[in-house]
Amino acid sequence: MSFPSERILRTAIAFIGVLGVCVATYIFISDQTSGAPACLAGGTGCETVAKSSYSHILGINVSIIGLVGWFLILGTVLYGNDVSRLLGFLFTLGGFGFSIYLTYLEIWNIEAICQWCVSNATLMTICFLLNVTRLLGYVGKPEGGAVFGGGTARPLAEDG
């Protein structure tokens, strides 16, 4: 089976990760200022979800948990070794599972859907699939070098 180069996978994971940071940051800032993110298609789903008791775990806004997760995921694309591949998989597996749990709560307990939460869950799902591909395609391979400057980057043609 042919996989995209690890450099392409890492770049795609970084791009999705930056989008995830943006979404989680917007949710957090909205919660701290106006109380809820604005629903782009109208409605009150985002407000209902943001004001529910499920929007905080042990007093911590779930968007902060999301931000920490996204930054950990972004950290794994800086290196092309097996430890980073495994950590990327594990972090996104945790994020994917947490997204499923939160979506379940939205549908069955809160009975409202937040578009921003759905977009974050979608980004996490894509990131998880990219990390699965990266792990399966490149585990046991030599280090892939740096993606963004520095390190021992190799030309794209030689990057696994």
C-alpha atoms as a PDB file:
ATOM      1  CA  MET A   1       0.000   0.000   0.000  1.00  0.00           C
ATOM      2  CA  SER A   2       1.309   3.434  -0.917  1.00  0.00           C
ATOM      3  CA  PHE A   3       1.207   6.188   1.688  1.00  0.00           C
ATOM      4  CA  PRO A   4       1.724   9.915   1.160  1.00  0.00           C
ATOM      5  CA  SER A   5       5.158  11.053   2.305  1.00  0.00           C
ATOM      6  CA  GLU A   6       5.514  11.633   6.018  1.00  0.00           C
ATOM      7  CA  ARG A   7       6.339  15.273   5.332  1.00  0.00           C
ATOM      8  CA  ILE A   8       2.970  15.729   3.604  1.00  0.00           C
ATOM      9  CA  LEU A   9       1.150  13.970   6.458  1.00  0.00           C
ATOM     10  CA  ARG A  10       2.924  16.064   9.085  1.00  0.00           C
ATOM     11  CA  THR A  11       2.175  19.267   7.180  1.00  0.00           C
ATOM     12  CA  ALA A  12      -1.506  18.298   6.871  1.00  0.00           C
ATOM     13  CA  ILE A  13      -1.672  17.453  10.591  1.00  0.00           C
ATOM     14  CA  ALA A  14      -0.089  20.824  11.401  1.00  0.00           C
ATOM     15  CA  PHE A  15      -2.608  22.653   9.189  1.00  0.00           C
ATOM     16  CA  ILE A  16      -5.574  20.858  10.768  1.00  0.00           C
ATOM     17  CA  GLY A  17      -4.039  21.438  14.203  1.00  0.00           C
ATOM     18  CA  VAL A  18      -3.798  25.190  13.627  1.00  0.00           C
ATOM     19  CA  LEU A  19      -7.447  25.248  12.545  1.00  0.00           C
ATOM     20  CA  GLY A  20      -8.320  23.291  15.707  1.00  0.00           C
ATOM     21  CA  VAL A  21      -6.453  25.807  17.860  1.00  0.00           C
ATOM     22  CA  CYS A  22      -8.379  28.624  16.147  1.00  0.00           C
ATOM     23  CA  VAL A  23     -11.762  26.984  16.759  1.00  0.00           C
ATOM     24  CA  ALA A  24     -10.994  26.110  20.389  1.00  0.00           C
ATOM     25  CA  THR A  25      -9.642  29.621  21.003  1.00  0.00           C
ATOM     26  CA  TYR A  26     -12.783  31.189  19.542  1.00  0.00           C
ATOM     27  CA  ILE A  27     -15.000  28.997  21.734  1.00  0.00           C
ATOM     28  CA  PHE A  28     -12.963  29.923  24.820  1.00  0.00           C
ATOM     29  CA  ILE A  29     -12.888  33.668  24.106  1.00  0.00           C
ATOM     30  CA  SER A  30     -16.607  33.684  23.327  1.00  0.00           C
ATOM     31  CA  ASP A  31     -17.345  31.880  26.559  1.00  0.00           C
ATOM     32  CA  GLN A  32     -15.268  34.372  28.538  1.00  0.00           C
ATOM     33  CA  THR A  33     -16.749  37.480  26.903  1.00  0.00           C
ATOM     34  CA  SER A  34     -20.255  37.058  25.471  1.00  0.00           C
ATOM     35  CA  GLY A  35     -20.997  33.774  27.200  1.00  0.00           C
ATOM     36  CA  ALA A  36     -21.344  31.649  24.056  1.00  0.00           C
ATOM     37  CA  PRO A  37     -20.022  31.402  20.515  1.00  0.00           C
ATOM     38  CA  ALA A  38     -22.304  32.777  17.815  1.00  0.00           C
ATOM     39  CA  CYS A  39     -24.137  30.158  15.761  1.00  0.00           C
ATOM     40  CA  LEU A  40     -23.388  30.962  12.129  1.00  0.00           C
ATOM     41  CA  ALA A  41     -26.623  29.438  10.843  1.00  0.00           C
ATOM     42  CA  GLY A  42     -28.705  31.061  13.549  1.00  0.00           C
ATOM     43  CA  GLY A  43     -30.415  29.329  16.411  1.00  0.00           C
ATOM     44  CA  THR A  44     -29.390  28.930  20.014  1.00  0.00           C
ATOM     45  CA  GLY A  45     -27.569  25.584  19.950  1.00  0.00           C
ATOM     46  CA  CYS A  46     -24.150  27.067  20.718  1.00  0.00           C
ATOM     47  CA  GLU A  47     -25.509  29.119  23.606  1.00  0.00           C
ATOM     48  CA  THR A  48     -27.406  26.153  25.037  1.00  0.00           C
ATOM     49  CA  VAL A  49     -24.297  23.959  24.903  1.00  0.00           C
ATOM     50  CA  ALA A  50     -21.999  26.680  26.300  1.00  0.00           C
ATOM     51  CA  LYS A  51     -24.307  27.388  29.239  1.00  0.00           C
ATOM     52  CA  SER A  52     -24.854  23.713  30.080  1.00  0.00           C
ATOM     53  CA  SER A  53     -23.212  22.072  33.069  1.00  0.00           C
ATOM     54  CA  TYR A  54     -21.269  19.873  30.631  1.00  0.00           C
ATOM     55  CA  SER A  55     -19.229  22.800  29.256  1.00  0.00           C
ATOM     56  CA  HIS A  56     -16.885  22.574  32.261  1.00  0.00           C
ATOM     57  CA  ILE A  57     -15.118  19.579  33.781  1.00  0.00           C
ATOM     58  CA  LEU A  58     -13.862  20.094  37.325  1.00  0.00           C
ATOM     59  CA  GLY A  59     -14.309  23.827  36.747  1.00  0.00           C
ATOM     60  CA  ILE A  60     -12.205  23.815  33.570  1.00  0.00           C
ATOM     61  CA  ASN A  61     -13.822  24.927  30.320  1.00  0.00           C
ATOM     62  CA  VAL A  62     -13.669  22.030  27.822  1.00  0.00           C
ATOM     63  CA  SER A  63     -12.264  24.433  25.224  1.00  0.00           C
ATOM     64  CA  ILE A  64      -9.129  24.742  27.390  1.00  0.00           C
ATOM     65  CA  ILE A  65      -8.834  20.957  27.379  1.00  0.00           C
ATOM     66  CA  GLY A  66      -9.188  21.133  23.592  1.00  0.00           C
ATOM     67  CA  LEU A  67      -6.484  23.789  23.309  1.00  0.00           C
ATOM     68  CA  VAL A  68      -4.057  21.708  25.370  1.00  0.00           C
ATOM     69  CA  GLY A  69      -4.835  18.705  23.170  1.00  0.00           C
ATOM     70  CA  TRP A  70      -4.324  20.636  19.944  1.00  0.00           C
ATOM     71  CA  PHE A  71      -0.984  22.049  21.146  1.00  0.00           C
ATOM     72  CA  LEU A  72       0.187  18.551  22.140  1.00  0.00           C
ATOM     73  CA  ILE A  73      -0.798  17.281  18.694  1.00  0.00           C
ATOM     74  CA  LEU A  74       1.044  20.170  17.026  1.00  0.00           C
ATOM     75  CA  GLY A  75       4.120  19.271  19.050  1.00  0.00           C
ATOM     76  CA  THR A  76       4.194  15.788  17.540  1.00  0.00           C
ATOM     77  CA  VAL A  77       4.612  17.060  13.978  1.00  0.00           C
ATOM     78  CA  LEU A  78       7.900  18.746  14.828  1.00  0.00           C
ATOM     79  CA  TYR A  79       9.712  15.400  14.784  1.00  0.00           C
ATOM     80  CA  GLY A  80       9.613  12.470  12.397  1.00  0.00           C
ATOM     81  CA  ASN A  81      10.470   9.646  14.771  1.00  0.00           C
ATOM     82  CA  ASP A  82       8.530   6.721  16.230  1.00  0.00           C
ATOM     83  CA  VAL A  83       7.926   8.432  19.578  1.00  0.00           C
ATOM     84  CA  SER A  84       6.285  11.412  17.841  1.00  0.00           C
ATOM     85  CA  ARG A  85       4.282   9.108  15.581  1.00  0.00           C
ATOM     86  CA  LEU A  86       2.974   7.126  18.545  1.00  0.00           C
ATOM     87  CA  LEU A  87       2.255  10.223  20.642  1.00  0.00           C
ATOM     88  CA  GLY A  88       0.431  11.838  17.703  1.00  0.00           C
ATOM     89  CA  PHE A  89      -1.712   8.739  17.409  1.00  0.00           C
ATOM     90  CA  LEU A  90      -2.399   8.563  21.161  1.00  0.00           C
ATOM     91  CA  PHE A  91      -3.204  12.285  21.520  1.00  0.00           C
ATOM     92  CA  THR A  92      -5.594  12.219  18.572  1.00  0.00           C
ATOM     93  CA  LEU A  93      -7.143   8.963  19.752  1.00  0.00           C
ATOM     94  CA  GLY A  94      -7.867  10.670  23.085  1.00  0.00           C
ATOM     95  CA  GLY A  95      -9.190  13.775  21.321  1.00  0.00           C
ATOM     96  CA  PHE A  96     -11.329  11.687  18.992  1.00  0.00           C
ATOM     97  CA  GLY A  97     -12.791   9.732  21.902  1.00  0.00           C
ATOM     98  CA  PHE A  98     -13.428  12.918  23.880  1.00  0.00           C
ATOM     99  CA  SER A  99     -15.137  14.453  20.828  1.00  0.00           C
ATOM    100  CA  ILE A 100     -17.419  11.414  20.539  1.00  0.00           C
ATOM    101  CA  TYR A 101     -18.287  11.735  24.237  1.00  0.00           C
ATOM    102  CA  LEU A 102     -19.052  15.465  23.923  1.00  0.00           C
ATOM    103  CA  THR A 103     -21.137  14.925  20.787  1.00  0.00           C
ATOM    104  CA  TYR A 104     -23.087  12.220  22.631  1.00  0.00           C
ATOM    105  CA  LEU A 105     -23.750  14.716  25.445  1.00  0.00           C
ATOM    106  CA  GLU A 106     -24.899  17.354  22.959  1.00  0.00           C
ATOM    107  CA  ILE A 107     -27.370  15.007  21.298  1.00  0.00           C
ATOM    108  CA  TRP A 108     -28.750  13.014  24.235  1.00  0.00           C
ATOM    109  CA  ASN A 109     -28.274  15.116  27.379  1.00  0.00           C
ATOM    110  CA  ILE A 110     -28.128  18.762  26.324  1.00  0.00           C
ATOM    111  CA  GLU A 111     -30.413  18.255  23.308  1.00  0.00           C
ATOM    112  CA  ALA A 112     -28.689  20.998  21.325  1.00  0.00           C
ATOM    113  CA  ILE A 113     -25.907  21.066  18.740  1.00  0.00           C
ATOM    114  CA  CYS A 114     -23.107  23.634  18.703  1.00  0.00           C
ATOM    115  CA  GLN A 115     -21.743  24.172  15.200  1.00  0.00           C
ATOM    116  CA  TRP A 116     -18.325  25.115  16.568  1.00  0.00           C
ATOM    117  CA  CYS A 117     -18.159  21.929  18.621  1.00  0.00           C
ATOM    118  CA  VAL A 118     -19.090  19.880  15.554  1.00  0.00           C
ATOM    119  CA  SER A 119     -16.395  21.616  13.498  1.00  0.00           C
ATOM    120  CA  ASN A 120     -13.827  20.896  16.214  1.00  0.00           C
ATOM    121  CA  ALA A 121     -14.917  17.240  16.351  1.00  0.00           C
ATOM    122  CA  THR A 122     -14.638  17.023  12.551  1.00  0.00           C
ATOM    123  CA  LEU A 123     -11.121  18.489  12.609  1.00  0.00           C
ATOM    124  CA  MET A 124     -10.123  16.035  15.349  1.00  0.00           C
ATOM    125  CA  THR A 125     -11.508  13.114  13.333  1.00  0.00           C
ATOM    126  CA  ILE A 126      -9.505  14.160  10.263  1.00  0.00           C
ATOM    127  CA  CYS A 127      -6.401  14.639  12.406  1.00  0.00           C
ATOM    128  CA  PHE A 128      -6.895  11.205  13.976  1.00  0.00           C
ATOM    129  CA  LEU A 129      -7.133   9.557  10.539  1.00  0.00           C
ATOM    130  CA  LEU A 130      -3.998  11.384   9.364  1.00  0.00           C
ATOM    131  CA  ASN A 131      -2.124  10.223  12.467  1.00  0.00           C
ATOM    132  CA  VAL A 132      -3.290   6.627  11.978  1.00  0.00           C
ATOM    133  CA  THR A 133      -1.954   6.811   8.414  1.00  0.00           C
ATOM    134  CA  ARG A 134       1.311   8.310   9.650  1.00  0.00           C
ATOM    135  CA  LEU A 135       1.754   5.630  12.304  1.00  0.00           C
ATOM    136  CA  LEU A 136       0.908   2.698  10.039  1.00  0.00           C
ATOM    137  CA  GLY A 137       2.942   4.016   7.124  1.00  0.00           C
ATOM    138  CA  TYR A 138       6.111   5.083   8.878  1.00  0.00           C
ATOM    139  CA  VAL A 139       6.543   3.277  12.211  1.00  0.00           C
ATOM    140  CA  GLY A 140      10.003   1.739  12.312  1.00  0.00           C
ATOM    141  CA  LYS A 141      11.274   3.984   9.518  1.00  0.00           C
ATOM    142  CA  PRO A 142      14.244   6.296   9.990  1.00  0.00           C
ATOM    143  CA  GLU A 143      13.585   9.783  11.314  1.00  0.00           C
ATOM    144  CA  GLY A 144      11.841  11.912   8.703  1.00  0.00           C
ATOM    145  CA  GLY A 145      13.571  15.197   9.516  1.00  0.00           C
ATOM    146  CA  ALA A 146      12.054  18.602  10.212  1.00  0.00           C
ATOM    147  CA  VAL A 147       8.943  19.849   8.452  1.00  0.00           C
ATOM    148  CA  PHE A 148       9.332  23.549   9.213  1.00  0.00           C
ATOM    149  CA  GLY A 149      12.951  24.656   9.006  1.00  0.00           C
ATOM    150  CA  GLY A 150      15.838  23.671  11.211  1.00  0.00           C
ATOM    151  CA  GLY A 151      16.819  20.117  11.957  1.00  0.00           C
ATOM    152  CA  THR A 152      17.933  17.677   9.309  1.00  0.00           C
ATOM    153  CA  ALA A 153      15.214  18.127   6.708  1.00  0.00           C
ATOM    154  CA  ARG A 154      15.533  16.006   3.611  1.00  0.00           C
ATOM    155  CA  PRO A 155      14.234  16.755   0.137  1.00  0.00           C
ATOM    156  CA  LEU A 156      10.616  15.727  -0.376  1.00  0.00           C
ATOM    157  CA  ALA A 157      11.612  12.898  -2.734  1.00  0.00           C
ATOM    158  CA  GLU A 158      13.748  11.256  -0.012  1.00  0.00           C
ATOM    159  CA  ASP A 159      11.266  11.794   2.841  1.00  0.00           C
ATOM    160  CA  GLY A 160       9.861   8.278   3.388  1.00  0.00           C
END
